[in-house]
Amino acid sequence: MIRINLLGQARPKAAKQSVPLEATLQVILAAAAILIAVVVLYVTYASEKRELDATNQRITALKAERTQLQQIKQEVEVYEQQKQTLQTQIDVIEGLQKNRTGAQELLQMVANTVVRVDQLWLTSLEKKGDSLTLLGEAGNIDSIANFITQLKRSGYFDKIEIQEAKEDDVAKAVTTYGFTMTAAIAGAAPTTDAATAKPAATPAPAPQPAPKGRS
């Protein structure tokens, strides 16, 4: 449709409304503040999230380490029990070995002492703790006294006491004397000089024989 201006005057243009500069600045500043706040919040969030993730990873690692340490602790407890069991067995074996070795040394020392005395032999030897009871036969009283001397000189025995010494009829053709004596095992080991000591030239005073015949 064609419009014709019959008035012959130019049509007035609509006046533009101007926006105050202050209001524009306020809008810009508000937008900038919001943008800065968003950036700060994002950076803070990202930093906190990284720290939280690192903490969670550390917690997970510590839990795994704790589980591993608990397994190691259980293995150590098992090893300790096995160690105690083995140590008990070792102690028993060492005790048996010590007793066996001590018995061998005791018998060897008694035998070494007997062979130094003429006309004497043992028929019984009993050990109770550190005490020995010896029974034997001798061709004469001097042999018994010499045996006592050799026991003392060995350094392996002390507190040697004669319980009984009397003539008996073990051998009809010869005179023999049965004897019973006790001795304690000394704390000190025998020395080389004691082990090689010779029979005494003068024996210890001989015990008086009891009347012939066993009581």
Protein backbone atom coordinates (compact mmCIF):
# COMPACT_ATOMS: atom_id res chain seq x y z
CA MET A 1 0.00 0.00 0.00
CA ILE A 2 1.30 3.48 -0.97
CA ARG A 3 1.05 6.26 1.57
CA ILE A 4 1.02 9.88 0.43
CA ASN A 5 2.02 12.75 2.70
CA LEU A 6 -0.61 15.35 2.03
CA LEU A 7 0.77 17.80 4.59
CA GLY A 8 3.97 18.36 2.64
CA GLN A 9 6.08 18.20 5.79
CA ALA A 10 8.77 15.79 6.73
CA ARG A 11 7.72 13.16 9.21
CA PRO A 12 9.49 13.71 12.53
CA LYS A 13 11.89 10.90 13.56
CA ALA A 14 11.46 9.18 16.88
CA ALA A 15 13.87 10.54 19.44
CA LYS A 16 16.53 8.07 20.73
CA GLN A 17 16.73 7.61 24.48
CA SER A 18 20.29 7.78 25.83
CA VAL A 19 21.48 5.30 28.52
CA PRO A 20 23.27 6.96 31.38
CA LEU A 21 27.02 6.11 31.50
CA GLU A 22 26.91 5.36 35.23
CA ALA A 23 24.33 2.63 34.74
CA THR A 24 26.47 1.07 31.98
CA LEU A 25 29.51 1.01 34.21
CA GLN A 26 27.52 -0.58 36.99
CA VAL A 27 26.34 -3.32 34.66
CA ILE A 28 29.87 -3.92 33.38
CA LEU A 29 31.31 -4.00 36.88
CA ALA A 30 28.58 -6.34 38.07
CA ALA A 31 29.23 -8.69 35.15
CA ALA A 32 32.98 -8.54 35.80
CA ALA A 33 32.45 -9.24 39.51
CA ILE A 34 30.26 -12.20 38.70
CA LEU A 35 32.83 -13.48 36.19
CA ILE A 36 35.66 -13.08 38.70
CA ALA A 37 33.62 -14.81 41.39
CA VAL A 38 32.87 -17.68 39.06
CA VAL A 39 36.57 -18.01 38.15
CA VAL A 40 37.61 -17.88 41.81
CA LEU A 41 34.99 -20.45 42.76
CA TYR A 42 36.05 -22.75 39.92
CA VAL A 43 39.73 -22.47 40.83
CA THR A 44 38.91 -23.10 44.50
CA TYR A 45 36.68 -26.04 43.58
CA ALA A 46 39.33 -27.52 41.29
CA SER A 47 42.00 -27.14 43.99
CA GLU A 48 39.81 -28.64 46.70
CA LYS A 49 38.82 -31.50 44.40
CA ARG A 50 42.44 -32.28 43.60
CA GLU A 51 43.28 -32.25 47.31
CA LEU A 52 40.27 -34.44 48.08
CA ASP A 53 41.24 -36.89 45.35
CA ALA A 54 44.81 -37.01 46.65
CA THR A 55 43.51 -37.59 50.20
CA ASN A 56 41.23 -40.39 49.01
CA GLN A 57 44.14 -41.99 47.16
CA ARG A 58 46.29 -41.71 50.27
CA ILE A 59 43.55 -43.28 52.37
CA THR A 60 43.22 -46.12 49.87
CA ALA A 61 46.99 -46.64 49.88
CA LEU A 62 47.10 -46.62 53.69
CA LYS A 63 44.27 -49.15 53.87
CA ALA A 64 46.13 -51.42 51.45
CA GLU A 65 49.32 -50.95 53.49
CA ARG A 66 47.46 -51.73 56.72
CA THR A 67 46.07 -54.93 55.20
CA GLN A 68 49.56 -55.91 54.07
CA LEU A 69 51.02 -55.14 57.51
CA GLN A 70 48.31 -57.22 59.18
CA GLN A 71 49.23 -60.14 56.93
CA ILE A 72 52.91 -59.65 57.76
CA LYS A 73 52.03 -59.48 61.47
CA GLN A 74 50.15 -62.77 61.23
CA GLU A 75 53.11 -64.34 59.42
CA VAL A 76 55.49 -63.01 62.08
CA GLU A 77 53.30 -64.48 64.84
CA VAL A 78 53.33 -67.84 63.05
CA TYR A 79 57.12 -67.64 62.69
CA GLU A 80 57.46 -66.74 66.37
CA GLN A 81 55.39 -69.77 67.36
CA GLN A 82 57.49 -71.97 65.10
CA LYS A 83 60.64 -70.42 66.57
CA GLN A 84 59.48 -71.14 70.12
CA THR A 85 58.62 -74.72 69.17
CA LEU A 86 62.00 -75.23 67.51
CA GLN A 87 63.80 -73.59 70.45
CA THR A 88 62.03 -75.94 72.85
CA GLN A 89 63.06 -78.91 70.76
CA ILE A 90 66.63 -77.61 70.58
CA ASP A 91 66.72 -77.12 74.36
CA VAL A 92 65.50 -80.68 74.90
CA ILE A 93 68.07 -82.06 72.45
CA GLU A 94 70.87 -80.01 74.00
CA GLY A 95 69.82 -81.17 77.47
CA LEU A 96 69.85 -84.79 76.38
CA GLN A 97 73.19 -84.30 74.65
CA LYS A 98 74.63 -82.61 77.74
CA ASN A 99 73.41 -85.40 80.00
CA ARG A 100 74.75 -88.01 77.61
CA THR A 101 78.11 -86.28 77.38
CA GLY A 102 78.24 -85.83 81.15
CA ALA A 103 77.48 -89.51 81.71
CA GLN A 104 80.22 -90.50 79.27
CA GLU A 105 82.73 -88.26 81.04
CA LEU A 106 81.66 -89.62 84.42
CA LEU A 107 82.03 -93.25 83.35
CA GLN A 108 85.34 -92.50 81.67
CA MET A 109 86.72 -90.81 84.78
CA VAL A 110 85.58 -93.64 87.05
CA ALA A 111 87.13 -96.17 84.67
CA ASN A 112 90.38 -94.20 84.51
CA THR A 113 90.50 -94.14 88.30
CA VAL A 114 89.78 -97.87 88.69
CA VAL A 115 92.52 -98.93 86.26
CA ARG A 116 95.11 -97.15 88.42
CA VAL A 117 94.33 -99.35 91.39
CA ASP A 118 95.51 -102.96 91.57
CA GLN A 119 93.20 -105.74 92.70
CA LEU A 120 90.00 -103.67 92.61
CA TRP A 121 86.95 -103.73 90.40
CA LEU A 122 83.49 -102.18 90.53
CA THR A 123 80.32 -104.23 90.46
CA SER A 124 77.73 -101.41 90.54
CA LEU A 125 77.54 -97.65 90.00
CA GLU A 126 74.40 -95.61 90.68
CA LYS A 127 74.02 -91.88 90.11
CA LYS A 128 71.35 -89.76 91.78
CA GLY A 129 71.72 -86.08 91.02
CA ASP A 130 75.34 -85.22 91.83
CA SER A 131 75.80 -88.16 94.17
CA LEU A 132 77.32 -91.54 93.27
CA THR A 133 77.04 -94.87 95.04
CA LEU A 134 79.83 -97.31 94.15
CA LEU A 135 79.90 -101.01 94.98
CA GLY A 136 82.90 -103.20 94.29
CA GLU A 137 85.36 -105.86 95.31
CA ALA A 138 89.02 -105.53 96.26
CA GLY A 139 91.83 -107.96 96.91
CA ASN A 140 92.85 -106.11 100.06
CA ILE A 141 92.00 -103.13 102.21
CA ASP A 142 94.94 -101.14 100.85
CA SER A 143 93.41 -101.27 97.36
CA ILE A 144 90.22 -99.68 98.70
CA ALA A 145 92.22 -96.92 100.41
CA ASN A 146 94.22 -96.35 97.22
CA PHE A 147 90.99 -96.13 95.22
CA ILE A 148 89.73 -93.41 97.55
CA THR A 149 92.99 -91.52 97.10
CA GLN A 150 92.75 -91.73 93.31
CA LEU A 151 89.15 -90.51 93.37
CA LYS A 152 90.21 -87.46 95.37
CA ARG A 153 93.23 -86.78 93.17
CA SER A 154 91.14 -86.93 90.00
CA GLY A 155 89.55 -83.60 90.91
CA TYR A 156 86.24 -84.97 89.63
CA PHE A 157 84.92 -86.28 92.95
CA ASP A 158 84.73 -85.05 96.52
CA LYS A 159 82.97 -85.94 99.78
CA ILE A 160 84.08 -89.54 99.37
CA GLU A 161 82.85 -91.71 102.21
CA ILE A 162 83.13 -95.45 102.92
CA GLN A 163 79.76 -96.88 103.88
CA GLU A 164 80.93 -100.48 104.30
CA ALA A 165 84.08 -102.55 103.77
CA LYS A 166 84.24 -106.18 104.85
CA GLU A 167 85.75 -109.49 103.91
CA ASP A 168 83.45 -111.70 101.89
CA ASP A 169 83.44 -115.08 100.20
CA VAL A 170 82.97 -114.09 96.57
CA ALA A 171 86.03 -116.13 95.58
CA LYS A 172 86.67 -119.21 97.69
CA ALA A 173 90.34 -119.51 96.77
CA VAL A 174 91.32 -115.94 97.67
CA THR A 175 90.39 -113.35 100.22
CA THR A 176 88.31 -110.46 98.86
CA TYR A 177 86.70 -107.46 100.45
CA GLY A 178 83.37 -106.06 99.38
CA PHE A 179 82.89 -102.33 99.78
CA THR A 180 80.26 -99.66 99.38
CA MET A 181 81.14 -95.98 99.15
CA THR A 182 79.52 -92.69 98.15
CA ALA A 183 81.02 -89.71 96.36
CA ALA A 184 79.81 -86.35 95.09
CA ILE A 185 80.64 -85.00 91.62
CA ALA A 186 82.84 -81.96 92.07
CA GLY A 187 82.01 -78.73 90.26
CA ALA A 188 85.47 -78.34 88.71
CA ALA A 189 86.47 -80.43 85.70
CA PRO A 190 89.47 -82.73 86.12
CA THR A 191 92.83 -81.29 85.15
CA THR A 192 95.59 -82.88 83.06
CA ASP A 193 97.79 -83.35 86.11
CA ALA A 194 94.98 -85.02 87.98
CA ALA A 195 94.25 -87.31 85.04
CA THR A 196 97.90 -88.44 84.89
CA ALA A 197 98.47 -88.68 88.64
CA LYS A 198 100.27 -91.79 89.78
CA PRO A 199 99.10 -94.00 92.65
CA ALA A 200 100.19 -92.71 96.00
CA ALA A 201 103.22 -94.35 97.49
CA THR A 202 101.65 -94.23 100.93
CA PRO A 203 97.89 -94.95 100.82
CA ALA A 204 95.40 -93.28 103.08
CA PRO A 205 94.67 -94.95 106.40
CA ALA A 206 92.83 -98.13 105.66
CA PRO A 207 89.39 -98.70 107.17
CA GLN A 208 89.23 -101.57 109.59
CA PRO A 209 87.62 -104.63 108.00
CA ALA A 210 84.43 -105.94 109.44
CA PRO A 211 84.16 -109.55 110.58
CA LYS A 212 84.16 -112.04 107.74
CA GLY A 213 80.81 -112.78 106.17
CA ARG A 214 78.03 -110.60 104.82
CA SER A 215 75.52 -108.99 107.13
